[in-house]
């Protein structure tokens, strides 16, 4: 008997932050590029502008930018969309943002998370794959001065965060001791994100959310990340993917949906003085999409591409096994287990 209502299914694949700054886009993604091409829906965060225009913003300590021709690497790898909400897109000002947007449009790569005003920065990507209508939104909680979009103001889609520090010990007895860090999303921005997701979910089957958040070079998950991630799932997102930290962080499951706090750097050509061996650890995360959400999640350990292509690693030995062990340790407190079988790393809720 024929199935009159076949299930709509498709595959997805995402990876870490991408910041190319090299002479040629040829072979930019190497073997991982084929995996992105083979996925029905592939996306990631483009961490820098692709532009030769603009001037370095005053007071910007770290800067990243690549030539517009490097968009060919994203095209060759078959990316279906990119998020551009991050703290480096406007390193060289609005002209650099404008050229990046033109470059992506000419390459026919949809993007979300930045624009010439807040309305454009909020505008989602909506595409169809395997009979599924998929939406993508992107936000940044890492906001150098002048980076946040507003009414009539270019910039990235902001999700502002506040921070406070409480002494851990009596400072008279323990001067200069470490504090307890508290962080939380600004109420108005969090409400806007939830409204964005609900509105997008009404016209799509699945909503993916990218968040640029956390603390640079820290594996820890901060309070605002869990608050934002869980609020996004509550509003209807099927998954939340984070970046910015440059190092691996936990995968959390909330109501059965994944919150990936950081996958590390996938391509990062400009090496910062504070980078360590840990910034070379990264992974891809993929799975199946259906009308009810995501399933069959799996992790692929990789080594970050610095001036070259990222490298796929075996999860059973060497660097690949170290990444799997690290992710298992980081993720267990958040209700996640990783199991290696037949060379694949399955990611699932504990139990």
C-alpha atoms as a PDB file:
ATOM      1  CA  UNK A   1       0.000   0.000   0.000  1.00  0.00           C
ATOM      2  CA  UNK A   2       1.422   3.411  -0.952  1.00  0.00           C
ATOM      3  CA  UNK A   3       2.067   6.070   1.636  1.00  0.00           C
ATOM      4  CA  UNK A   4      -0.168   9.024   0.744  1.00  0.00           C
ATOM      5  CA  UNK A   5       1.568  11.280   3.228  1.00  0.00           C
ATOM      6  CA  UNK A   6       5.319  10.581   3.040  1.00  0.00           C
ATOM      7  CA  UNK A   7       7.419  11.934   5.867  1.00  0.00           C
ATOM      8  CA  UNK A   8       9.352  15.072   5.090  1.00  0.00           C
ATOM      9  CA  UNK A   9      13.009  14.556   6.012  1.00  0.00           C
ATOM     10  CA  UNK A  10      16.324  16.161   5.178  1.00  0.00           C
ATOM     11  CA  UNK A  11      19.838  16.370   6.614  1.00  0.00           C
ATOM     12  CA  UNK A  12      21.669  19.326   8.121  1.00  0.00           C
ATOM     13  CA  UNK A  13      25.278  20.124   8.974  1.00  0.00           C
ATOM     14  CA  UNK A  14      26.855  23.043  10.778  1.00  0.00           C
ATOM     15  CA  UNK A  15      30.305  23.932  12.068  1.00  0.00           C
ATOM     16  CA  UNK A  16      32.354  26.480  13.970  1.00  0.00           C
ATOM     17  CA  UNK A  17      33.189  30.123  13.305  1.00  0.00           C
ATOM     18  CA  UNK A  18      34.606  30.944   9.864  1.00  0.00           C
ATOM     19  CA  UNK A  19      37.080  33.838   9.484  1.00  0.00           C
ATOM     20  CA  UNK A  20      39.060  33.469   6.240  1.00  0.00           C
ATOM     21  CA  UNK A  21      41.936  35.837   5.419  1.00  0.00           C
ATOM     22  CA  UNK A  22      44.137  34.136   2.821  1.00  0.00           C
ATOM     23  CA  UNK A  23      45.332  34.586  -0.747  1.00  0.00           C
ATOM     24  CA  UNK A  24      43.009  32.092  -2.399  1.00  0.00           C
ATOM     25  CA  UNK A  25      39.682  30.377  -1.757  1.00  0.00           C
ATOM     26  CA  UNK A  26      40.812  27.255  -3.577  1.00  0.00           C
ATOM     27  CA  UNK A  27      40.298  24.192  -1.396  1.00  0.00           C
ATOM     28  CA  UNK A  28      39.314  26.368   1.553  1.00  0.00           C
ATOM     29  CA  UNK A  29      37.254  23.674   3.281  1.00  0.00           C
ATOM     30  CA  UNK A  30      39.088  20.585   2.027  1.00  0.00           C
ATOM     31  CA  UNK A  31      37.413  17.244   2.834  1.00  0.00           C
ATOM     32  CA  UNK A  32      34.842  18.807   5.207  1.00  0.00           C
ATOM     33  CA  UNK A  33      33.647  20.808   2.189  1.00  0.00           C
ATOM     34  CA  UNK A  34      32.173  17.657   0.648  1.00  0.00           C
ATOM     35  CA  UNK A  35      30.238  16.977   3.848  1.00  0.00           C
ATOM     36  CA  UNK A  36      28.712  20.459   3.724  1.00  0.00           C
ATOM     37  CA  UNK A  37      27.870  20.023   0.031  1.00  0.00           C
ATOM     38  CA  UNK A  38      26.228  16.649   0.678  1.00  0.00           C
ATOM     39  CA  UNK A  39      24.005  17.986   3.479  1.00  0.00           C
ATOM     40  CA  UNK A  40      20.561  19.218   2.462  1.00  0.00           C
ATOM     41  CA  UNK A  41      20.941  22.288   4.705  1.00  0.00           C
ATOM     42  CA  UNK A  42      24.354  23.583   5.765  1.00  0.00           C
ATOM     43  CA  UNK A  43      25.087  26.812   7.626  1.00  0.00           C
ATOM     44  CA  UNK A  44      27.640  28.470   9.906  1.00  0.00           C
ATOM     45  CA  UNK A  45      28.739  31.819  11.317  1.00  0.00           C
ATOM     46  CA  UNK A  46      30.812  34.034   9.004  1.00  0.00           C
ATOM     47  CA  UNK A  47      33.012  35.716  11.608  1.00  0.00           C
ATOM     48  CA  UNK A  48      34.543  38.469   9.487  1.00  0.00           C
ATOM     49  CA  UNK A  49      33.666  40.915   6.744  1.00  0.00           C
ATOM     50  CA  UNK A  50      34.554  40.048   3.154  1.00  0.00           C
ATOM     51  CA  UNK A  51      35.610  43.478   1.990  1.00  0.00           C
ATOM     52  CA  UNK A  52      38.456  45.833   1.064  1.00  0.00           C
ATOM     53  CA  UNK A  53      36.507  48.953   2.025  1.00  0.00           C
ATOM     54  CA  UNK A  54      36.336  50.960   5.235  1.00  0.00           C
ATOM     55  CA  UNK A  55      38.730  51.962   8.007  1.00  0.00           C
ATOM     56  CA  UNK A  56      39.541  50.115  11.219  1.00  0.00           C
ATOM     57  CA  UNK A  57      37.161  51.259  13.951  1.00  0.00           C
ATOM     58  CA  UNK A  58      38.825  53.306  16.672  1.00  0.00           C
ATOM     59  CA  UNK A  59      39.618  51.318  19.804  1.00  0.00           C
ATOM     60  CA  UNK A  60      39.177  47.889  18.164  1.00  0.00           C
ATOM     61  CA  UNK A  61      41.863  45.691  19.736  1.00  0.00           C
ATOM     62  CA  UNK A  62      41.223  42.586  17.609  1.00  0.00           C
ATOM     63  CA  UNK A  63      40.334  42.792  13.929  1.00  0.00           C
ATOM     64  CA  UNK A  64      39.405  40.301  11.218  1.00  0.00           C
ATOM     65  CA  UNK A  65      38.649  40.811   7.544  1.00  0.00           C
ATOM     66  CA  UNK A  66      39.029  38.819   4.312  1.00  0.00           C
ATOM     67  CA  UNK A  67      39.008  39.647   0.606  1.00  0.00           C
ATOM     68  CA  UNK A  68      35.595  39.454  -1.130  1.00  0.00           C
ATOM     69  CA  UNK A  69      36.967  36.789  -3.490  1.00  0.00           C
ATOM     70  CA  UNK A  70      37.056  34.369  -0.553  1.00  0.00           C
ATOM     71  CA  UNK A  71      33.283  34.021  -0.787  1.00  0.00           C
ATOM     72  CA  UNK A  72      34.109  31.443  -3.487  1.00  0.00           C
ATOM     73  CA  UNK A  73      35.170  29.088  -0.682  1.00  0.00           C
ATOM     74  CA  UNK A  74      31.698  29.254   0.868  1.00  0.00           C
ATOM     75  CA  UNK A  75      30.121  28.692  -2.547  1.00  0.00           C
ATOM     76  CA  UNK A  76      32.364  25.716  -3.299  1.00  0.00           C
ATOM     77  CA  UNK A  77      31.486  24.136   0.066  1.00  0.00           C
ATOM     78  CA  UNK A  78      27.804  24.539  -0.751  1.00  0.00           C
ATOM     79  CA  UNK A  79      26.718  26.598   2.245  1.00  0.00           C
ATOM     80  CA  UNK A  80      22.987  27.260   2.095  1.00  0.00           C
ATOM     81  CA  UNK A  81      23.099  30.181   4.530  1.00  0.00           C
ATOM     82  CA  UNK A  82      25.367  32.055   6.931  1.00  0.00           C
ATOM     83  CA  UNK A  83      24.781  34.009  10.100  1.00  0.00           C
ATOM     84  CA  UNK A  84      26.681  37.301  10.271  1.00  0.00           C
ATOM     85  CA  UNK A  85      25.773  38.463  13.790  1.00  0.00           C
ATOM     86  CA  UNK A  86      29.133  38.739  15.570  1.00  0.00           C
ATOM     87  CA  UNK A  87      31.698  41.155  17.004  1.00  0.00           C
ATOM     88  CA  UNK A  88      33.985  41.339  13.943  1.00  0.00           C
ATOM     89  CA  UNK A  89      31.616  42.078  11.078  1.00  0.00           C
ATOM     90  CA  UNK A  90      31.993  45.842  11.597  1.00  0.00           C
ATOM     91  CA  UNK A  91      35.695  45.927  12.497  1.00  0.00           C
ATOM     92  CA  UNK A  92      36.198  48.155   9.440  1.00  0.00           C
ATOM     93  CA  UNK A  93      32.955  50.069   9.745  1.00  0.00           C
ATOM     94  CA  UNK A  94      29.731  50.284   7.778  1.00  0.00           C
ATOM     95  CA  UNK A  95      31.343  50.349   4.286  1.00  0.00           C
ATOM     96  CA  UNK A  96      32.867  46.938   5.021  1.00  0.00           C
ATOM     97  CA  UNK A  97      29.487  45.611   6.191  1.00  0.00           C
ATOM     98  CA  UNK A  98      27.814  46.934   3.063  1.00  0.00           C
ATOM     99  CA  UNK A  99      30.352  45.281   0.748  1.00  0.00           C
ATOM    100  CA  UNK A 100      30.033  41.993   2.623  1.00  0.00           C
ATOM    101  CA  UNK A 101      26.267  42.019   2.138  1.00  0.00           C
ATOM    102  CA  UNK A 102      26.661  42.780  -1.587  1.00  0.00           C
ATOM    103  CA  UNK A 103      29.301  40.034  -1.891  1.00  0.00           C
ATOM    104  CA  UNK A 104      27.061  37.410  -0.280  1.00  0.00           C
ATOM    105  CA  UNK A 105      24.066  38.419  -2.385  1.00  0.00           C
ATOM    106  CA  UNK A 106      26.075  38.215  -5.605  1.00  0.00           C
ATOM    107  CA  UNK A 107      27.223  34.739  -4.537  1.00  0.00           C
ATOM    108  CA  UNK A 108      23.575  33.834  -3.799  1.00  0.00           C
ATOM    109  CA  UNK A 109      24.323  32.905  -0.204  1.00  0.00           C
ATOM    110  CA  UNK A 110      21.416  33.967   2.031  1.00  0.00           C
ATOM    111  CA  UNK A 111      22.412  35.589   5.323  1.00  0.00           C
ATOM    112  CA  UNK A 112      20.831  36.810   8.531  1.00  0.00           C
ATOM    113  CA  UNK A 113      21.933  38.719  11.631  1.00  0.00           C
ATOM    114  CA  UNK A 114      23.108  42.081  10.278  1.00  0.00           C
ATOM    115  CA  UNK A 115      21.856  44.858   8.043  1.00  0.00           C
ATOM    116  CA  UNK A 116      21.612  48.553   7.325  1.00  0.00           C
ATOM    117  CA  UNK A 117      19.025  48.910  10.093  1.00  0.00           C
ATOM    118  CA  UNK A 118      17.521  46.741  12.821  1.00  0.00           C
ATOM    119  CA  UNK A 119      14.639  45.545  10.652  1.00  0.00           C
ATOM    120  CA  UNK A 120      17.067  44.174   8.054  1.00  0.00           C
ATOM    121  CA  UNK A 121      19.334  42.682  10.744  1.00  0.00           C
ATOM    122  CA  UNK A 122      16.318  40.836  12.190  1.00  0.00           C
ATOM    123  CA  UNK A 123      15.222  39.472   8.807  1.00  0.00           C
ATOM    124  CA  UNK A 124      15.487  35.652   8.772  1.00  0.00           C
ATOM    125  CA  UNK A 125      16.642  33.237   6.110  1.00  0.00           C
ATOM    126  CA  UNK A 126      13.789  31.031   4.908  1.00  0.00           C
ATOM    127  CA  UNK A 127      14.485  28.155   2.506  1.00  0.00           C
ATOM    128  CA  UNK A 128      12.910  24.826   1.524  1.00  0.00           C
ATOM    129  CA  UNK A 129      14.754  21.517   1.679  1.00  0.00           C
ATOM    130  CA  UNK A 130      13.262  18.038   1.366  1.00  0.00           C
ATOM    131  CA  UNK A 131       9.744  19.411   1.590  1.00  0.00           C
ATOM    132  CA  UNK A 132      10.583  21.196   4.866  1.00  0.00           C
ATOM    133  CA  UNK A 133      10.433  24.963   5.262  1.00  0.00           C
ATOM    134  CA  UNK A 134      13.463  25.998   7.343  1.00  0.00           C
ATOM    135  CA  UNK A 135      14.092  29.323   9.072  1.00  0.00           C
ATOM    136  CA  UNK A 136      17.375  30.702  10.425  1.00  0.00           C
ATOM    137  CA  UNK A 137      17.865  33.666  12.793  1.00  0.00           C
ATOM    138  CA  UNK A 138      21.131  35.062  14.205  1.00  0.00           C
ATOM    139  CA  UNK A 139      21.891  37.293  17.197  1.00  0.00           C
ATOM    140  CA  UNK A 140      24.975  38.638  18.953  1.00  0.00           C
ATOM    141  CA  UNK A 141      25.434  39.267  22.669  1.00  0.00           C
ATOM    142  CA  UNK A 142      29.042  40.339  22.003  1.00  0.00           C
ATOM    143  CA  UNK A 143      28.662  43.986  21.006  1.00  0.00           C
ATOM    144  CA  UNK A 144      31.626  46.345  20.580  1.00  0.00           C
ATOM    145  CA  UNK A 145      30.602  49.993  20.674  1.00  0.00           C
ATOM    146  CA  UNK A 146      28.726  50.902  17.515  1.00  0.00           C
ATOM    147  CA  UNK A 147      28.088  47.323  16.377  1.00  0.00           C
ATOM    148  CA  UNK A 148      24.407  46.998  17.375  1.00  0.00           C
ATOM    149  CA  UNK A 149      21.820  47.712  14.697  1.00  0.00           C
ATOM    150  CA  UNK A 150      18.970  50.054  15.549  1.00  0.00           C
ATOM    151  CA  UNK A 151      16.238  52.013  13.795  1.00  0.00           C
ATOM    152  CA  UNK A 152      18.104  53.731  10.949  1.00  0.00           C
ATOM    153  CA  UNK A 153      21.453  52.423  12.264  1.00  0.00           C
ATOM    154  CA  UNK A 154      23.489  49.688  10.526  1.00  0.00           C
ATOM    155  CA  UNK A 155      24.886  46.829  12.580  1.00  0.00           C
ATOM    156  CA  UNK A 156      24.322  43.331  13.893  1.00  0.00           C
ATOM    157  CA  UNK A 157      21.155  41.921  15.442  1.00  0.00           C
ATOM    158  CA  UNK A 158      21.683  42.593  19.177  1.00  0.00           C
ATOM    159  CA  UNK A 159      20.751  40.459  22.148  1.00  0.00           C
ATOM    160  CA  UNK A 160      22.278  42.496  24.944  1.00  0.00           C
ATOM    161  CA  UNK A 161      23.551  40.931  28.163  1.00  0.00           C
ATOM    162  CA  UNK A 162      24.246  42.462  31.580  1.00  0.00           C
ATOM    163  CA  UNK A 163      26.958  41.235  33.953  1.00  0.00           C
ATOM    164  CA  UNK A 164      27.593  41.563  37.693  1.00  0.00           C
ATOM    165  CA  UNK A 165      30.371  40.315  39.970  1.00  0.00           C
ATOM    166  CA  UNK A 166      29.824  39.131  43.541  1.00  0.00           C
ATOM    167  CA  UNK A 167      32.780  38.418  45.832  1.00  0.00           C
ATOM    168  CA  UNK A 168      33.177  34.722  46.527  1.00  0.00           C
ATOM    169  CA  UNK A 169      34.865  35.287  49.910  1.00  0.00           C
ATOM    170  CA  UNK A 170      35.238  37.930  52.602  1.00  0.00           C
ATOM    171  CA  UNK A 171      37.496  40.455  50.853  1.00  0.00           C
ATOM    172  CA  UNK A 172      38.977  41.660  54.133  1.00  0.00           C
ATOM    173  CA  UNK A 173      40.363  38.182  54.725  1.00  0.00           C
ATOM    174  CA  UNK A 174      40.806  37.217  51.055  1.00  0.00           C
ATOM    175  CA  UNK A 175      41.640  40.389  49.104  1.00  0.00           C
ATOM    176  CA  UNK A 176      41.767  40.140  45.316  1.00  0.00           C
ATOM    177  CA  UNK A 177      39.997  36.756  45.343  1.00  0.00           C
ATOM    178  CA  UNK A 178      37.922  35.626  42.373  1.00  0.00           C
ATOM    179  CA  UNK A 179      34.264  36.701  42.068  1.00  0.00           C
ATOM    180  CA  UNK A 180      31.079  34.853  41.207  1.00  0.00           C
ATOM    181  CA  UNK A 181      29.959  36.005  37.745  1.00  0.00           C
ATOM    182  CA  UNK A 182      26.269  36.572  37.065  1.00  0.00           C
ATOM    183  CA  UNK A 183      24.938  37.347  33.580  1.00  0.00           C
ATOM    184  CA  UNK A 184      21.462  37.806  32.165  1.00  0.00           C
ATOM    185  CA  UNK A 185      19.791  38.915  28.950  1.00  0.00           C
ATOM    186  CA  UNK A 186      18.241  42.370  28.691  1.00  0.00           C
ATOM    187  CA  UNK A 187      14.502  41.801  29.086  1.00  0.00           C
ATOM    188  CA  UNK A 188      13.431  43.752  25.993  1.00  0.00           C
ATOM    189  CA  UNK A 189      15.931  41.985  23.717  1.00  0.00           C
ATOM    190  CA  UNK A 190      15.022  38.539  25.039  1.00  0.00           C
ATOM    191  CA  UNK A 191      11.328  39.266  24.483  1.00  0.00           C
ATOM    192  CA  UNK A 192      12.062  40.418  20.932  1.00  0.00           C
ATOM    193  CA  UNK A 193      14.017  37.229  20.192  1.00  0.00           C
ATOM    194  CA  UNK A 194      11.148  35.072  21.446  1.00  0.00           C
ATOM    195  CA  UNK A 195       8.691  37.082  19.361  1.00  0.00           C
ATOM    196  CA  UNK A 196      10.924  36.684  16.280  1.00  0.00           C
ATOM    197  CA  UNK A 197      11.061  32.908  16.746  1.00  0.00           C
ATOM    198  CA  UNK A 198       7.312  32.541  17.322  1.00  0.00           C
ATOM    199  CA  UNK A 199       6.525  34.624  14.228  1.00  0.00           C
ATOM    200  CA  UNK A 200       8.990  32.656  12.091  1.00  0.00           C
ATOM    201  CA  UNK A 201       7.714  29.305  13.381  1.00  0.00           C
ATOM    202  CA  UNK A 202       4.214  30.173  12.141  1.00  0.00           C
ATOM    203  CA  UNK A 203       5.471  30.052   8.539  1.00  0.00           C
ATOM    204  CA  UNK A 204       8.157  27.369   8.786  1.00  0.00           C
ATOM    205  CA  UNK A 205       8.506  23.777   9.951  1.00  0.00           C
ATOM    206  CA  UNK A 206      11.819  24.331  11.760  1.00  0.00           C
ATOM    207  CA  UNK A 207      13.596  27.343  13.224  1.00  0.00           C
ATOM    208  CA  UNK A 208      17.362  27.272  13.799  1.00  0.00           C
ATOM    209  CA  UNK A 209      18.905  30.007  15.941  1.00  0.00           C
ATOM    210  CA  UNK A 210      22.552  31.107  15.977  1.00  0.00           C
ATOM    211  CA  UNK A 211      23.868  32.989  19.035  1.00  0.00           C
ATOM    212  CA  UNK A 212      27.217  34.778  19.312  1.00  0.00           C
ATOM    213  CA  UNK A 213      27.700  34.670  23.076  1.00  0.00           C
ATOM    214  CA  UNK A 214      29.830  33.468  25.998  1.00  0.00           C
ATOM    215  CA  UNK A 215      33.310  34.551  27.109  1.00  0.00           C
ATOM    216  CA  UNK A 216      36.343  34.338  24.844  1.00  0.00           C
ATOM    217  CA  UNK A 217      38.718  31.433  25.589  1.00  0.00           C
ATOM    218  CA  UNK A 218      36.395  29.988  28.250  1.00  0.00           C
ATOM    219  CA  UNK A 219      34.873  26.506  28.100  1.00  0.00           C
ATOM    220  CA  UNK A 220      32.337  27.366  30.807  1.00  0.00           C
ATOM    221  CA  UNK A 221      28.663  27.954  30.031  1.00  0.00           C
ATOM    222  CA  UNK A 222      27.483  31.254  31.512  1.00  0.00           C
ATOM    223  CA  UNK A 223      24.062  32.000  32.948  1.00  0.00           C
ATOM    224  CA  UNK A 224      22.900  34.187  30.070  1.00  0.00           C
ATOM    225  CA  UNK A 225      23.640  31.428  27.546  1.00  0.00           C
ATOM    226  CA  UNK A 226      21.317  28.957  29.258  1.00  0.00           C
ATOM    227  CA  UNK A 227      18.679  31.660  29.723  1.00  0.00           C
ATOM    228  CA  UNK A 228      18.784  32.660  26.038  1.00  0.00           C
ATOM    229  CA  UNK A 229      19.076  29.109  24.702  1.00  0.00           C
ATOM    230  CA  UNK A 230      16.205  27.741  26.745  1.00  0.00           C
ATOM    231  CA  UNK A 231      14.020  30.761  25.940  1.00  0.00           C
ATOM    232  CA  UNK A 232      14.642  30.150  22.233  1.00  0.00           C
ATOM    233  CA  UNK A 233      13.563  26.492  22.557  1.00  0.00           C
ATOM    234  CA  UNK A 234      10.488  27.515  24.568  1.00  0.00           C
ATOM    235  CA  UNK A 235       9.567  29.960  21.782  1.00  0.00           C
ATOM    236  CA  UNK A 236       9.691  27.210  19.159  1.00  0.00           C
ATOM    237  CA  UNK A 237      13.291  26.833  17.969  1.00  0.00           C
ATOM    238  CA  UNK A 238      14.384  23.283  17.121  1.00  0.00           C
ATOM    239  CA  UNK A 239      18.034  24.001  18.008  1.00  0.00           C
ATOM    240  CA  UNK A 240      20.388  26.750  19.149  1.00  0.00           C
ATOM    241  CA  UNK A 241      23.999  26.940  17.975  1.00  0.00           C
ATOM    242  CA  UNK A 242      26.550  29.221  19.627  1.00  0.00           C
ATOM    243  CA  UNK A 243      30.006  30.562  18.941  1.00  0.00           C
ATOM    244  CA  UNK A 244      32.570  33.243  19.828  1.00  0.00           C
ATOM    245  CA  UNK A 245      34.494  31.477  22.591  1.00  0.00           C
ATOM    246  CA  UNK A 246      37.184  30.032  20.216  1.00  0.00           C
ATOM    247  CA  UNK A 247      37.242  26.863  22.326  1.00  0.00           C
ATOM    248  CA  UNK A 248      34.881  23.938  22.757  1.00  0.00           C
ATOM    249  CA  UNK A 249      31.908  24.163  25.077  1.00  0.00           C
ATOM    250  CA  UNK A 250      29.023  21.943  26.157  1.00  0.00           C
ATOM    251  CA  UNK A 251      26.128  20.526  24.205  1.00  0.00           C
ATOM    252  CA  UNK A 252      22.989  20.818  26.316  1.00  0.00           C
ATOM    253  CA  UNK A 253      19.607  19.186  25.765  1.00  0.00           C
ATOM    254  CA  UNK A 254      16.536  21.128  26.850  1.00  0.00           C
ATOM    255  CA  UNK A 255      13.085  19.634  26.278  1.00  0.00           C
ATOM    256  CA  UNK A 256      14.776  17.200  23.928  1.00  0.00           C
ATOM    257  CA  UNK A 257      16.257  19.935  21.718  1.00  0.00           C
ATOM    258  CA  UNK A 258      20.005  20.690  21.460  1.00  0.00           C
ATOM    259  CA  UNK A 259      21.724  23.872  22.594  1.00  0.00           C
ATOM    260  CA  UNK A 260      25.275  23.736  21.239  1.00  0.00           C
ATOM    261  CA  UNK A 261      27.179  26.306  23.278  1.00  0.00           C
ATOM    262  CA  UNK A 262      30.273  26.420  21.057  1.00  0.00           C
ATOM    263  CA  UNK A 263      31.798  24.276  18.309  1.00  0.00           C
ATOM    264  CA  UNK A 264      35.092  26.210  18.246  1.00  0.00           C
ATOM    265  CA  UNK A 265      36.850  27.762  15.231  1.00  0.00           C
ATOM    266  CA  UNK A 266      36.380  25.971  11.906  1.00  0.00           C
ATOM    267  CA  UNK A 267      38.515  28.382   9.842  1.00  0.00           C
ATOM    268  CA  UNK A 268      40.400  31.184  11.573  1.00  0.00           C
ATOM    269  CA  UNK A 269      43.322  32.551   9.571  1.00  0.00           C
ATOM    270  CA  UNK A 270      44.427  35.417  11.822  1.00  0.00           C
ATOM    271  CA  UNK A 271      45.892  33.925  14.996  1.00  0.00           C
ATOM    272  CA  UNK A 272      45.411  36.074  18.081  1.00  0.00           C
ATOM    273  CA  UNK A 273      48.200  36.299  20.691  1.00  0.00           C
ATOM    274  CA  UNK A 274      45.928  34.673  23.271  1.00  0.00           C
ATOM    275  CA  UNK A 275      45.072  31.642  21.113  1.00  0.00           C
ATOM    276  CA  UNK A 276      46.291  28.261  22.355  1.00  0.00           C
ATOM    277  CA  UNK A 277      46.291  24.663  21.146  1.00  0.00           C
ATOM    278  CA  UNK A 278      42.691  24.487  22.388  1.00  0.00           C
ATOM    279  CA  UNK A 279      41.602  26.928  19.655  1.00  0.00           C
ATOM    280  CA  UNK A 280      42.500  24.294  17.059  1.00  0.00           C
ATOM    281  CA  UNK A 281      39.926  21.844  18.453  1.00  0.00           C
ATOM    282  CA  UNK A 282      36.592  21.950  16.660  1.00  0.00           C
ATOM    283  CA  UNK A 283      33.792  19.740  15.391  1.00  0.00           C
ATOM    284  CA  UNK A 284      30.955  19.578  12.897  1.00  0.00           C
ATOM    285  CA  UNK A 285      27.475  18.713  14.089  1.00  0.00           C
ATOM    286  CA  UNK A 286      24.858  17.144  11.841  1.00  0.00           C
ATOM    287  CA  UNK A 287      21.699  15.125  11.871  1.00  0.00           C
ATOM    288  CA  UNK A 288      18.282  14.640  10.361  1.00  0.00           C
ATOM    289  CA  UNK A 289      15.453  17.164  10.180  1.00  0.00           C
ATOM    290  CA  UNK A 290      11.783  16.298  10.284  1.00  0.00           C
ATOM    291  CA  UNK A 291       8.507  18.051  10.935  1.00  0.00           C
ATOM    292  CA  UNK A 292       8.795  17.168  14.641  1.00  0.00           C
ATOM    293  CA  UNK A 293      12.382  18.413  15.014  1.00  0.00           C
ATOM    294  CA  UNK A 294      15.896  17.007  14.850  1.00  0.00           C
ATOM    295  CA  UNK A 295      17.098  13.432  15.262  1.00  0.00           C
ATOM    296  CA  UNK A 296      20.166  11.218  14.809  1.00  0.00           C
ATOM    297  CA  UNK A 297      22.562  13.957  15.916  1.00  0.00           C
ATOM    298  CA  UNK A 298      26.232  13.202  15.381  1.00  0.00           C
ATOM    299  CA  UNK A 299      29.521  14.967  15.958  1.00  0.00           C
ATOM    300  CA  UNK A 300      32.575  14.930  13.667  1.00  0.00           C
ATOM    301  CA  UNK A 301      35.855  15.999  15.326  1.00  0.00           C
ATOM    302  CA  UNK A 302      38.102  18.269  13.255  1.00  0.00           C
ATOM    303  CA  UNK A 303      41.222  20.396  13.482  1.00  0.00           C
ATOM    304  CA  UNK A 304      40.726  24.089  12.721  1.00  0.00           C
ATOM    305  CA  UNK A 305      41.995  25.391   9.380  1.00  0.00           C
ATOM    306  CA  UNK A 306      44.594  28.143   9.845  1.00  0.00           C
ATOM    307  CA  UNK A 307      45.772  29.269   6.422  1.00  0.00           C
ATOM    308  CA  UNK A 308      44.602  25.919   5.059  1.00  0.00           C
ATOM    309  CA  UNK A 309      41.653  23.550   5.159  1.00  0.00           C
ATOM    310  CA  UNK A 310      40.152  22.064   8.332  1.00  0.00           C
ATOM    311  CA  UNK A 311      41.051  18.398   8.837  1.00  0.00           C
ATOM    312  CA  UNK A 312      38.658  15.586   9.641  1.00  0.00           C
ATOM    313  CA  UNK A 313      39.843  13.498  12.600  1.00  0.00           C
ATOM    314  CA  UNK A 314      39.133   9.965  13.742  1.00  0.00           C
ATOM    315  CA  UNK A 315      37.058   9.904  16.934  1.00  0.00           C
ATOM    316  CA  UNK A 316      38.891   6.757  18.030  1.00  0.00           C
ATOM    317  CA  UNK A 317      42.456   8.033  18.276  1.00  0.00           C
ATOM    318  CA  UNK A 318      44.750  11.011  18.689  1.00  0.00           C
ATOM    319  CA  UNK A 319      43.366  14.530  18.489  1.00  0.00           C
ATOM    320  CA  UNK A 320      39.926  13.303  17.474  1.00  0.00           C
ATOM    321  CA  UNK A 321      39.575  11.141  20.537  1.00  0.00           C
ATOM    322  CA  UNK A 322      40.749  14.043  22.729  1.00  0.00           C
ATOM    323  CA  UNK A 323      37.963  16.207  21.294  1.00  0.00           C
ATOM    324  CA  UNK A 324      35.343  13.512  21.914  1.00  0.00           C
ATOM    325  CA  UNK A 325      36.600  13.006  25.482  1.00  0.00           C
ATOM    326  CA  UNK A 326      36.562  16.771  26.068  1.00  0.00           C
ATOM    327  CA  UNK A 327      33.016  17.141  24.722  1.00  0.00           C
ATOM    328  CA  UNK A 328      31.847  14.178  26.809  1.00  0.00           C
ATOM    329  CA  UNK A 329      33.273  15.804  29.953  1.00  0.00           C
ATOM    330  CA  UNK A 330      31.890  19.273  29.153  1.00  0.00           C
ATOM    331  CA  UNK A 331      28.431  18.045  28.143  1.00  0.00           C
ATOM    332  CA  UNK A 332      27.603  15.404  30.772  1.00  0.00           C
ATOM    333  CA  UNK A 333      26.537  17.997  33.402  1.00  0.00           C
ATOM    334  CA  UNK A 334      24.013  19.341  30.878  1.00  0.00           C
ATOM    335  CA  UNK A 335      22.214  16.091  30.190  1.00  0.00           C
ATOM    336  CA  UNK A 336      24.156  14.897  27.153  1.00  0.00           C
ATOM    337  CA  UNK A 337      26.046  11.735  26.304  1.00  0.00           C
ATOM    338  CA  UNK A 338      28.418  10.976  23.427  1.00  0.00           C
ATOM    339  CA  UNK A 339      28.883   7.417  22.188  1.00  0.00           C
ATOM    340  CA  UNK A 340      31.306   6.245  19.502  1.00  0.00           C
ATOM    341  CA  UNK A 341      30.137   3.421  17.239  1.00  0.00           C
ATOM    342  CA  UNK A 342      31.497   2.432  13.831  1.00  0.00           C
ATOM    343  CA  UNK A 343      33.497   5.632  13.598  1.00  0.00           C
ATOM    344  CA  UNK A 344      30.524   7.934  14.264  1.00  0.00           C
ATOM    345  CA  UNK A 345      29.935   9.949  17.430  1.00  0.00           C
ATOM    346  CA  UNK A 346      26.252   9.898  18.374  1.00  0.00           C
ATOM    347  CA  UNK A 347      25.023  12.820  20.507  1.00  0.00           C
ATOM    348  CA  UNK A 348      21.889  12.292  22.587  1.00  0.00           C
ATOM    349  CA  UNK A 349      20.193  13.118  25.898  1.00  0.00           C
ATOM    350  CA  UNK A 350      21.402  11.040  28.829  1.00  0.00           C
ATOM    351  CA  UNK A 351      19.322   7.949  29.372  1.00  0.00           C
END
